[in-house]
Amino acid sequence: MRFLTEDDGDDPILSLVNMIDIFLVVVAMLMVIIVNNPLNPFSSKNVVVVENPGQADMRINIKEGEVLARYESSGEIGEGKGVRAGVTYRLSDGRMIYVPETRPESDSGSSKR
């Protein structure tokens, strides 16, 4: 009957078991966070994440399948080649209206008899 009178508070194994339980809970929480992350490496979805939009340190992360690309803003104004496609107007109520430019058709292709 000696085992009924002993105190289990002095057993160092019990504190080790409690530490293992805490680590298992932390690992489970980290797994849930990884699964809910939009850039999850285990999902096959295509995702675009914009960090700090409109700021000087804006970053764009693009995940297409298993390929992850990161684009960082340099703060410089970009330039490129192209043609004017139209004009955008802001109305007094805040709406934006885009008016595409129409190119005049040349009459050289059509002939009148």
Protein backbone atom coordinates (compact mmCIF):
# COMPACT_ATOMS: atom_id res chain seq x y z
CA MET A 1 0.00 0.00 0.00
CA ARG A 2 3.01 2.22 -0.25
CA PHE A 3 2.05 3.50 -3.77
CA LEU A 4 -1.15 5.08 -2.40
CA THR A 5 0.73 7.29 0.02
CA GLU A 6 3.45 8.56 -2.35
CA ASP A 7 3.19 12.09 -3.76
CA ASP A 8 3.33 12.31 -7.58
CA GLY A 9 4.37 15.99 -7.50
CA ASP A 10 8.04 15.06 -7.26
CA ASP A 11 8.08 12.95 -10.43
CA PRO A 12 10.21 14.71 -13.13
CA ILE A 13 8.66 12.62 -15.90
CA LEU A 14 5.28 14.32 -15.40
CA SER A 15 6.72 17.77 -16.17
CA LEU A 16 8.38 16.36 -19.31
CA VAL A 17 5.05 14.94 -20.46
CA ASN A 18 3.44 18.36 -19.91
CA MET A 19 6.16 20.03 -22.02
CA ILE A 20 5.58 17.54 -24.84
CA ASP A 21 1.84 18.32 -24.72
CA ILE A 22 2.58 22.06 -25.01
CA PHE A 23 4.86 21.49 -28.02
CA LEU A 24 2.21 19.37 -29.73
CA VAL A 25 -0.34 22.17 -29.33
CA VAL A 26 2.15 24.73 -30.74
CA VAL A 27 2.93 22.49 -33.74
CA ALA A 28 -0.80 22.00 -34.41
CA MET A 29 -1.36 25.78 -34.33
CA LEU A 30 1.52 26.33 -36.77
CA MET A 31 0.09 23.72 -39.14
CA VAL A 32 -3.30 25.50 -39.11
CA ILE A 33 -1.57 28.82 -39.89
CA ILE A 34 0.34 27.28 -42.81
CA VAL A 35 -2.82 25.74 -44.29
CA ASN A 36 -4.72 29.05 -44.08
CA ASN A 37 -1.86 31.06 -45.66
CA PRO A 38 -2.74 32.18 -49.21
CA LEU A 39 0.83 31.44 -50.34
CA ASN A 40 0.61 27.89 -48.99
CA PRO A 41 3.23 25.78 -50.79
CA PHE A 42 0.94 22.72 -50.68
CA SER A 43 -1.97 24.26 -52.61
CA SER A 44 -2.18 24.47 -56.38
CA LYS A 45 -4.18 27.70 -56.53
CA ASN A 46 -2.99 30.78 -58.41
CA VAL A 47 -2.71 33.68 -55.95
CA VAL A 48 -1.61 37.33 -56.15
CA VAL A 49 -0.78 39.09 -52.87
CA VAL A 50 -0.01 42.83 -52.82
CA GLU A 51 1.84 44.08 -49.74
CA ASN A 52 1.75 47.82 -48.88
CA PRO A 53 -0.27 48.88 -51.96
CA GLY A 54 0.51 52.39 -53.18
CA GLN A 55 3.54 52.78 -50.89
CA ALA A 56 7.17 53.19 -51.92
CA ASP A 57 8.00 49.72 -50.54
CA MET A 58 5.13 47.91 -52.30
CA ARG A 59 5.68 44.22 -53.07
CA ILE A 60 3.69 41.87 -55.29
CA ASN A 61 3.84 38.12 -54.66
CA ILE A 62 2.50 35.92 -57.45
CA LYS A 63 2.01 32.19 -56.95
CA GLU A 64 1.15 30.14 -60.04
CA GLY A 65 0.96 26.47 -59.11
CA GLU A 66 4.30 25.71 -57.50
CA VAL A 67 6.11 28.79 -58.89
CA LEU A 68 6.43 31.79 -56.55
CA ALA A 69 7.60 35.15 -57.95
CA ARG A 70 8.16 38.39 -56.04
CA TYR A 71 8.22 41.83 -57.60
CA GLU A 72 9.42 44.80 -55.55
CA SER A 73 8.85 48.46 -56.33
CA SER A 74 11.98 50.48 -56.96
CA GLY A 75 10.17 53.80 -56.56
CA GLU A 76 11.12 54.91 -60.08
CA ILE A 77 8.65 55.95 -62.73
CA GLY A 78 8.35 53.34 -65.43
CA GLU A 79 8.17 53.93 -69.12
CA GLY A 80 7.31 51.83 -72.08
CA LYS A 81 6.15 51.82 -75.65
CA GLY A 82 2.52 51.97 -76.57
CA VAL A 83 -0.27 54.05 -78.01
CA ARG A 84 -2.94 56.12 -76.38
CA ALA A 85 -6.05 54.00 -75.97
CA GLY A 86 -8.52 56.55 -74.65
CA VAL A 87 -9.34 59.08 -71.98
CA THR A 88 -10.64 58.60 -68.45
CA TYR A 89 -12.90 61.17 -66.78
CA ARG A 90 -13.86 61.41 -63.09
CA LEU A 91 -17.44 62.54 -62.52
CA SER A 92 -18.50 64.76 -59.63
CA ASP A 93 -19.91 61.74 -57.75
CA GLY A 94 -16.52 59.95 -57.92
CA ARG A 95 -17.28 57.48 -60.69
CA MET A 96 -14.70 56.98 -63.42
CA ILE A 97 -15.67 56.78 -67.08
CA TYR A 98 -13.33 55.47 -69.75
CA VAL A 99 -13.86 56.72 -73.29
CA PRO A 100 -11.89 54.75 -75.88
CA GLU A 101 -10.45 56.67 -78.79
CA THR A 102 -11.67 55.62 -82.20
CA ARG A 103 -9.24 55.79 -85.05
CA PRO A 104 -10.57 57.36 -88.22
CA GLU A 105 -10.97 54.77 -90.90
CA SER A 106 -9.12 55.48 -94.10
CA ASP A 107 -11.18 55.75 -97.26
CA SER A 108 -8.38 54.35 -99.41
CA GLY A 109 -9.58 50.80 -98.83
CA SER A 110 -13.11 51.44 -100.08
CA SER A 111 -13.90 52.56 -103.59
CA LYS A 112 -17.08 54.14 -104.92
CA ARG A 113 -18.26 53.49 -108.47
